[in-house]
């Protein structure tokens, strides 16, 4: 298991991807994993817009969807 400093160093080396795990999305956005999961559970983030499920049921966050959500919330 990586510690926080190791994860942050690793995140800086990751090429941008359209979809990322909840853990990486938390690191990139500054939201906690719990906050991301809560937005999904509460229906604030919608499947196909802010996140997608992989064929095996994993949840992947759309970085484009996240960016649009942030910009919409500010407007």
PDB file of N, CA and C in Angstrom:
ATOM      1  N   UNK A   1       0.846  -1.180   0.000  1.00  0.00           N
ATOM      2  CA  UNK A   1       0.000   0.000   0.000  1.00  0.00           C
ATOM      3  C   UNK A   1       0.888   1.239   0.000  1.00  0.00           C
ATOM      4  N   UNK A   2       0.555   2.202  -0.824  1.00  0.00           N
ATOM      5  CA  UNK A   2       1.329   3.427  -0.927  1.00  0.00           C
ATOM      6  C   UNK A   2       0.890   4.430   0.134  1.00  0.00           C
ATOM      7  N   UNK A   3       1.861   5.175   0.662  1.00  0.00           N
ATOM      8  CA  UNK A   3       1.490   6.239   1.587  1.00  0.00           C
ATOM      9  C   UNK A   3       1.097   7.481   0.782  1.00  0.00           C
ATOM     10  N   UNK A   4       0.644   8.504   1.446  1.00  0.00           N
ATOM     11  CA  UNK A   4       0.137   9.695   0.766  1.00  0.00           C
ATOM     12  C   UNK A   4       1.192  10.351  -0.105  1.00  0.00           C
ATOM     13  N   UNK A   5       2.401  10.512   0.389  1.00  0.00           N
ATOM     14  CA  UNK A   5       3.468  11.145  -0.389  1.00  0.00           C
ATOM     15  C   UNK A   5       3.784  10.340  -1.640  1.00  0.00           C
ATOM     16  N   UNK A   6       3.793   9.017  -1.509  1.00  0.00           N
ATOM     17  CA  UNK A   6       4.070   8.162  -2.669  1.00  0.00           C
ATOM     18  C   UNK A   6       2.950   8.264  -3.704  1.00  0.00           C
ATOM     19  N   UNK A   7       1.702   8.327  -3.234  1.00  0.00           N
ATOM     20  CA  UNK A   7       0.573   8.465  -4.164  1.00  0.00           C
ATOM     21  C   UNK A   7       0.619   9.808  -4.877  1.00  0.00           C
ATOM     22  N   UNK A   8       0.971  10.866  -4.149  1.00  0.00           N
ATOM     23  CA  UNK A   8       1.045  12.187  -4.772  1.00  0.00           C
ATOM     24  C   UNK A   8       2.152  12.234  -5.811  1.00  0.00           C
ATOM     25  N   UNK A   9       3.295  11.638  -5.511  1.00  0.00           N
ATOM     26  CA  UNK A   9       4.392  11.594  -6.470  1.00  0.00           C
ATOM     27  C   UNK A   9       3.985  10.794  -7.698  1.00  0.00           C
ATOM     28  N   UNK A  10       3.289   9.698  -7.481  1.00  0.00           N
ATOM     29  CA  UNK A  10       2.849   8.861  -8.585  1.00  0.00           C
ATOM     30  C   UNK A  10       1.813   9.588  -9.435  1.00  0.00           C
ATOM     31  N   UNK A  11       0.911  10.313  -8.830  1.00  0.00           N
ATOM     32  CA  UNK A  11      -0.133  11.025  -9.565  1.00  0.00           C
ATOM     33  C   UNK A  11       0.472  12.060 -10.497  1.00  0.00           C
ATOM     34  N   UNK A  12       1.559  12.670 -10.093  1.00  0.00           N
ATOM     35  CA  UNK A  12       2.211  13.673 -10.920  1.00  0.00           C
ATOM     36  C   UNK A  12       2.816  13.050 -12.170  1.00  0.00           C
ATOM     37  N   UNK A  13       3.024  11.736 -12.159  1.00  0.00           N
ATOM     38  CA  UNK A  13       3.638  11.052 -13.289  1.00  0.00           C
ATOM     39  C   UNK A  13       2.614  10.368 -14.190  1.00  0.00           C
ATOM     40  N   UNK A  14       1.361  10.405 -13.825  1.00  0.00           N
ATOM     41  CA  UNK A  14       0.321   9.725 -14.583  1.00  0.00           C
ATOM     42  C   UNK A  14      -0.144  10.615 -15.727  1.00  0.00           C
ATOM     43  N   UNK A  15      -0.218  10.050 -16.924  1.00  0.00           N
ATOM     44  CA  UNK A  15      -0.733  10.801 -18.067  1.00  0.00           C
ATOM     45  C   UNK A  15      -2.237  10.994 -17.891  1.00  0.00           C
ATOM     46  N   UNK A  16      -2.766  12.107 -18.370  1.00  0.00           N
ATOM     47  CA  UNK A  16      -4.204  12.328 -18.249  1.00  0.00           C
ATOM     48  C   UNK A  16      -4.991  11.181 -18.885  1.00  0.00           C
ATOM     49  N   UNK A  17      -6.043  10.778 -18.227  1.00  0.00           N
ATOM     50  CA  UNK A  17      -6.911   9.719 -18.731  1.00  0.00           C
ATOM     51  C   UNK A  17      -8.348  10.215 -18.652  1.00  0.00           C
ATOM     52  N   UNK A  18      -9.197   9.809 -19.583  1.00  0.00           N
ATOM     53  CA  UNK A  18     -10.577  10.292 -19.536  1.00  0.00           C
ATOM     54  C   UNK A  18     -11.354   9.783 -18.325  1.00  0.00           C
ATOM     55  N   UNK A  19     -11.027   8.585 -17.848  1.00  0.00           N
ATOM     56  CA  UNK A  19     -11.692   8.008 -16.680  1.00  0.00           C
ATOM     57  C   UNK A  19     -10.640   7.525 -15.700  1.00  0.00           C
ATOM     58  N   UNK A  20     -10.856   7.815 -14.421  1.00  0.00           N
ATOM     59  CA  UNK A  20      -9.904   7.404 -13.384  1.00  0.00           C
ATOM     60  C   UNK A  20     -10.658   6.762 -12.224  1.00  0.00           C
ATOM     61  N   UNK A  21      -9.947   6.003 -11.422  1.00  0.00           N
ATOM     62  CA  UNK A  21     -10.548   5.382 -10.245  1.00  0.00           C
ATOM     63  C   UNK A  21     -10.975   6.455  -9.247  1.00  0.00           C
ATOM     64  N   UNK A  22     -11.810   6.069  -8.326  1.00  0.00           N
ATOM     65  CA  UNK A  22     -12.233   6.999  -7.281  1.00  0.00           C
ATOM     66  C   UNK A  22     -11.026   7.480  -6.482  1.00  0.00           C
ATOM     67  N   UNK A  23     -10.103   6.578  -6.184  1.00  0.00           N
ATOM     68  CA  UNK A  23      -8.916   6.959  -5.405  1.00  0.00           C
ATOM     69  C   UNK A  23      -8.101   8.017  -6.133  1.00  0.00           C
ATOM     70  N   UNK A  24      -7.880   7.841  -7.432  1.00  0.00           N
ATOM     71  CA  UNK A  24      -7.100   8.819  -8.185  1.00  0.00           C
ATOM     72  C   UNK A  24      -7.887  10.110  -8.366  1.00  0.00           C
ATOM     73  N   UNK A  25      -9.186  10.008  -8.583  1.00  0.00           N
ATOM     74  CA  UNK A  25     -10.015  11.213  -8.701  1.00  0.00           C
ATOM     75  C   UNK A  25      -9.953  12.032  -7.417  1.00  0.00           C
ATOM     76  N   UNK A  26      -9.948  11.359  -6.283  1.00  0.00           N
ATOM     77  CA  UNK A  26      -9.846  12.067  -5.003  1.00  0.00           C
ATOM     78  C   UNK A  26      -8.522  12.816  -4.918  1.00  0.00           C
ATOM     79  N   UNK A  27      -7.465  12.175  -5.340  1.00  0.00           N
ATOM     80  CA  UNK A  27      -6.143  12.799  -5.302  1.00  0.00           C
ATOM     81  C   UNK A  27      -6.078  14.003  -6.240  1.00  0.00           C
ATOM     82  N   UNK A  28      -6.648  13.862  -7.419  1.00  0.00           N
ATOM     83  CA  UNK A  28      -6.602  14.926  -8.422  1.00  0.00           C
ATOM     84  C   UNK A  28      -7.492  16.103  -8.037  1.00  0.00           C
ATOM     85  N   UNK A  29      -8.698  15.823  -7.549  1.00  0.00           N
ATOM     86  CA  UNK A  29      -9.688  16.882  -7.307  1.00  0.00           C
ATOM     87  C   UNK A  29      -9.614  17.514  -5.927  1.00  0.00           C
ATOM     88  N   UNK A  30      -9.053  16.788  -4.971  1.00  0.00           N
ATOM     89  CA  UNK A  30      -9.045  17.280  -3.599  1.00  0.00           C
ATOM     90  C   UNK A  30     -10.274  16.859  -2.810  1.00  0.00           C
ATOM     91  N   UNK A  31     -11.254  16.249  -3.472  1.00  0.00           N
ATOM     92  CA  UNK A  31     -12.402  15.687  -2.760  1.00  0.00           C
ATOM     93  C   UNK A  31     -11.963  14.400  -2.082  1.00  0.00           C
ATOM     94  N   UNK A  32     -12.629  14.012  -1.036  1.00  0.00           N
ATOM     95  CA  UNK A  32     -12.315  12.723  -0.423  1.00  0.00           C
ATOM     96  C   UNK A  32     -13.013  11.618  -1.209  1.00  0.00           C
ATOM     97  N   UNK A  33     -12.520  10.399  -1.047  1.00  0.00           N
ATOM     98  CA  UNK A  33     -13.178   9.258  -1.682  1.00  0.00           C
ATOM     99  C   UNK A  33     -14.619   9.156  -1.183  1.00  0.00           C
ATOM    100  N   UNK A  34     -14.812   9.409   0.107  1.00  0.00           N
ATOM    101  CA  UNK A  34     -16.160   9.344   0.685  1.00  0.00           C
ATOM    102  C   UNK A  34     -17.078  10.380   0.040  1.00  0.00           C
ATOM    103  N   UNK A  35     -16.568  11.586  -0.190  1.00  0.00           N
ATOM    104  CA  UNK A  35     -17.379  12.639  -0.809  1.00  0.00           C
ATOM    105  C   UNK A  35     -17.774  12.259  -2.234  1.00  0.00           C
ATOM    106  N   UNK A  36     -16.848  11.652  -2.958  1.00  0.00           N
ATOM    107  CA  UNK A  36     -17.144  11.219  -4.326  1.00  0.00           C
ATOM    108  C   UNK A  36     -18.215  10.136  -4.307  1.00  0.00           C
ATOM    109  N   UNK A  37     -18.039   9.150  -3.426  1.00  0.00           N
ATOM    110  CA  UNK A  37     -19.028   8.065  -3.331  1.00  0.00           C
ATOM    111  C   UNK A  37     -20.397   8.610  -2.909  1.00  0.00           C
ATOM    112  N   UNK A  38     -20.411   9.582  -2.023  1.00  0.00           N
ATOM    113  CA  UNK A  38     -21.668  10.179  -1.563  1.00  0.00           C
ATOM    114  C   UNK A  38     -22.369  10.913  -2.704  1.00  0.00           C
ATOM    115  N   UNK A  39     -21.622  11.621  -3.546  1.00  0.00           N
ATOM    116  CA  UNK A  39     -22.232  12.317  -4.681  1.00  0.00           C
ATOM    117  C   UNK A  39     -22.889  11.318  -5.631  1.00  0.00           C
ATOM    118  N   UNK A  40     -22.256  10.159  -5.799  1.00  0.00           N
ATOM    119  CA  UNK A  40     -22.829   9.107  -6.646  1.00  0.00           C
ATOM    120  C   UNK A  40     -24.074   8.526  -5.978  1.00  0.00           C
ATOM    121  N   UNK A  41     -23.963   8.182  -4.693  1.00  0.00           N
ATOM    122  CA  UNK A  41     -25.092   7.588  -3.958  1.00  0.00           C
ATOM    123  C   UNK A  41     -26.293   8.527  -3.893  1.00  0.00           C
ATOM    124  N   UNK A  42     -26.031   9.823  -3.717  1.00  0.00           N
ATOM    125  CA  UNK A  42     -27.108  10.808  -3.590  1.00  0.00           C
ATOM    126  C   UNK A  42     -27.689  11.242  -4.933  1.00  0.00           C
ATOM    127  N   UNK A  43     -27.102  10.760  -6.031  1.00  0.00           N
ATOM    128  CA  UNK A  43     -27.600  11.114  -7.356  1.00  0.00           C
ATOM    129  C   UNK A  43     -27.155  12.474  -7.848  1.00  0.00           C
ATOM    130  N   UNK A  44     -26.206  13.102  -7.144  1.00  0.00           N
ATOM    131  CA  UNK A  44     -25.682  14.386  -7.608  1.00  0.00           C
ATOM    132  C   UNK A  44     -24.785  14.196  -8.826  1.00  0.00           C
ATOM    133  N   UNK A  45     -24.117  13.048  -8.892  1.00  0.00           N
ATOM    134  CA  UNK A  45     -23.328  12.662 -10.061  1.00  0.00           C
ATOM    135  C   UNK A  45     -24.058  11.510 -10.726  1.00  0.00           C
ATOM    136  N   UNK A  46     -24.246  11.603 -12.032  1.00  0.00           N
ATOM    137  CA  UNK A  46     -25.023  10.613 -12.762  1.00  0.00           C
ATOM    138  C   UNK A  46     -24.136   9.691 -13.589  1.00  0.00           C
ATOM    139  N   UNK A  47     -24.545   8.426 -13.642  1.00  0.00           N
ATOM    140  CA  UNK A  47     -23.825   7.452 -14.457  1.00  0.00           C
ATOM    141  C   UNK A  47     -23.935   7.869 -15.923  1.00  0.00           C
ATOM    142  N   UNK A  48     -22.806   7.845 -16.617  1.00  0.00           N
ATOM    143  CA  UNK A  48     -22.760   8.266 -18.007  1.00  0.00           C
ATOM    144  C   UNK A  48     -22.408   9.733 -18.166  1.00  0.00           C
ATOM    145  N   UNK A  49     -22.457  10.488 -17.079  1.00  0.00           N
ATOM    146  CA  UNK A  49     -22.105  11.905 -17.132  1.00  0.00           C
ATOM    147  C   UNK A  49     -20.860  12.164 -16.291  1.00  0.00           C
ATOM    148  N   UNK A  50     -20.938  11.988 -14.971  1.00  0.00           N
ATOM    149  CA  UNK A  50     -19.770  12.197 -14.110  1.00  0.00           C
ATOM    150  C   UNK A  50     -18.997  10.913 -13.830  1.00  0.00           C
ATOM    151  N   UNK A  51     -19.630   9.778 -14.035  1.00  0.00           N
ATOM    152  CA  UNK A  51     -18.930   8.505 -13.802  1.00  0.00           C
ATOM    153  C   UNK A  51     -19.506   7.410 -14.681  1.00  0.00           C
ATOM    154  N   UNK A  52     -18.760   6.326 -14.781  1.00  0.00           N
ATOM    155  CA  UNK A  52     -19.203   5.127 -15.506  1.00  0.00           C
ATOM    156  C   UNK A  52     -18.842   3.909 -14.691  1.00  0.00           C
ATOM    157  N   UNK A  53     -19.568   2.822 -14.958  1.00  0.00           N
ATOM    158  CA  UNK A  53     -19.233   1.540 -14.341  1.00  0.00           C
ATOM    159  C   UNK A  53     -18.567   0.667 -15.395  1.00  0.00           C
ATOM    160  N   UNK A  54     -17.496   0.006 -14.991  1.00  0.00           N
ATOM    161  CA  UNK A  54     -16.809  -0.916 -15.890  1.00  0.00           C
ATOM    162  C   UNK A  54     -17.611  -2.212 -15.979  1.00  0.00           C
ATOM    163  N   UNK A  55     -17.288  -3.072 -16.948  1.00  0.00           N
ATOM    164  CA  UNK A  55     -18.018  -4.343 -17.075  1.00  0.00           C
ATOM    165  C   UNK A  55     -17.999  -5.194 -15.803  1.00  0.00           C
ATOM    166  N   UNK A  56     -16.952  -5.046 -14.993  1.00  0.00           N
ATOM    167  CA  UNK A  56     -16.887  -5.832 -13.752  1.00  0.00           C
ATOM    168  C   UNK A  56     -17.450  -5.082 -12.550  1.00  0.00           C
ATOM    169  N   UNK A  57     -18.081  -3.924 -12.784  1.00  0.00           N
ATOM    170  CA  UNK A  57     -18.747  -3.195 -11.712  1.00  0.00           C
ATOM    171  C   UNK A  57     -17.934  -2.104 -11.045  1.00  0.00           C
ATOM    172  N   UNK A  58     -16.681  -1.923 -11.457  1.00  0.00           N
ATOM    173  CA  UNK A  58     -15.860  -0.851 -10.887  1.00  0.00           C
ATOM    174  C   UNK A  58     -16.390   0.511 -11.306  1.00  0.00           C
ATOM    175  N   UNK A  59     -16.163   1.501 -10.471  1.00  0.00           N
ATOM    176  CA  UNK A  59     -16.618   2.860 -10.767  1.00  0.00           C
ATOM    177  C   UNK A  59     -15.426   3.696 -11.208  1.00  0.00           C
ATOM    178  N   UNK A  60     -15.590   4.379 -12.342  1.00  0.00           N
ATOM    179  CA  UNK A  60     -14.548   5.241 -12.876  1.00  0.00           C
ATOM    180  C   UNK A  60     -15.121   6.634 -13.081  1.00  0.00           C
ATOM    181  N   UNK A  61     -14.393   7.627 -12.611  1.00  0.00           N
ATOM    182  CA  UNK A  61     -14.840   9.014 -12.672  1.00  0.00           C
ATOM    183  C   UNK A  61     -14.405   9.634 -13.990  1.00  0.00           C
ATOM    184  N   UNK A  62     -15.329  10.315 -14.638  1.00  0.00           N
ATOM    185  CA  UNK A  62     -15.030  11.043 -15.866  1.00  0.00           C
ATOM    186  C   UNK A  62     -14.418  12.388 -15.481  1.00  0.00           C
ATOM    187  N   UNK A  63     -13.188  12.623 -15.881  1.00  0.00           N
ATOM    188  CA  UNK A  63     -12.560  13.896 -15.547  1.00  0.00           C
ATOM    189  C   UNK A  63     -13.243  15.041 -16.294  1.00  0.00           C
ATOM    190  N   UNK A  64     -13.703  14.782 -17.512  1.00  0.00           N
ATOM    191  CA  UNK A  64     -14.447  15.801 -18.255  1.00  0.00           C
ATOM    192  C   UNK A  64     -15.783  16.084 -17.559  1.00  0.00           C
ATOM    193  N   UNK A  65     -16.463  15.021 -17.126  1.00  0.00           N
ATOM    194  CA  UNK A  65     -17.726  15.191 -16.410  1.00  0.00           C
ATOM    195  C   UNK A  65     -17.543  15.956 -15.113  1.00  0.00           C
ATOM    196  N   UNK A  66     -16.450  15.653 -14.400  1.00  0.00           N
ATOM    197  CA  UNK A  66     -16.153  16.367 -13.157  1.00  0.00           C
ATOM    198  C   UNK A  66     -15.941  17.854 -13.449  1.00  0.00           C
ATOM    199  N   UNK A  67     -15.138  18.146 -14.479  1.00  0.00           N
ATOM    200  CA  UNK A  67     -14.857  19.539 -14.822  1.00  0.00           C
ATOM    201  C   UNK A  67     -16.145  20.282 -15.174  1.00  0.00           C
ATOM    202  N   UNK A  68     -17.011  19.657 -15.945  1.00  0.00           N
ATOM    203  CA  UNK A  68     -18.279  20.293 -16.305  1.00  0.00           C
ATOM    204  C   UNK A  68     -19.161  20.505 -15.076  1.00  0.00           C
ATOM    205  N   UNK A  69     -19.143  19.552 -14.157  1.00  0.00           N
ATOM    206  CA  UNK A  69     -19.918  19.680 -12.922  1.00  0.00           C
ATOM    207  C   UNK A  69     -19.423  20.873 -12.105  1.00  0.00           C
ATOM    208  N   UNK A  70     -18.109  21.019 -11.983  1.00  0.00           N
ATOM    209  CA  UNK A  70     -17.541  22.139 -11.222  1.00  0.00           C
ATOM    210  C   UNK A  70     -17.933  23.462 -11.869  1.00  0.00           C
ATOM    211  N   UNK A  71     -17.799  23.536 -13.175  1.00  0.00           N
ATOM    212  CA  UNK A  71     -18.117  24.785 -13.869  1.00  0.00           C
ATOM    213  C   UNK A  71     -19.605  25.112 -13.780  1.00  0.00           C
ATOM    214  N   UNK A  72     -20.459  24.105 -13.830  1.00  0.00           N
ATOM    215  CA  UNK A  72     -21.904  24.311 -13.712  1.00  0.00           C
ATOM    216  C   UNK A  72     -22.248  24.809 -12.313  1.00  0.00           C
ATOM    217  N   UNK A  73     -21.621  24.219 -11.295  1.00  0.00           N
ATOM    218  CA  UNK A  73     -21.905  24.592  -9.913  1.00  0.00           C
ATOM    219  C   UNK A  73     -21.490  26.031  -9.629  1.00  0.00           C
ATOM    220  N   UNK A  74     -20.466  26.529 -10.314  1.00  0.00           N
ATOM    221  CA  UNK A  74     -20.007  27.893 -10.079  1.00  0.00           C
ATOM    222  C   UNK A  74     -20.890  28.915 -10.778  1.00  0.00           C
ATOM    223  N   UNK A  75     -21.566  28.494 -11.825  1.00  0.00           N
ATOM    224  CA  UNK A  75     -22.360  29.423 -12.628  1.00  0.00           C
ATOM    225  C   UNK A  75     -23.686  29.622 -12.088  1.00  0.00           C
TER     226      UNK A  75
END
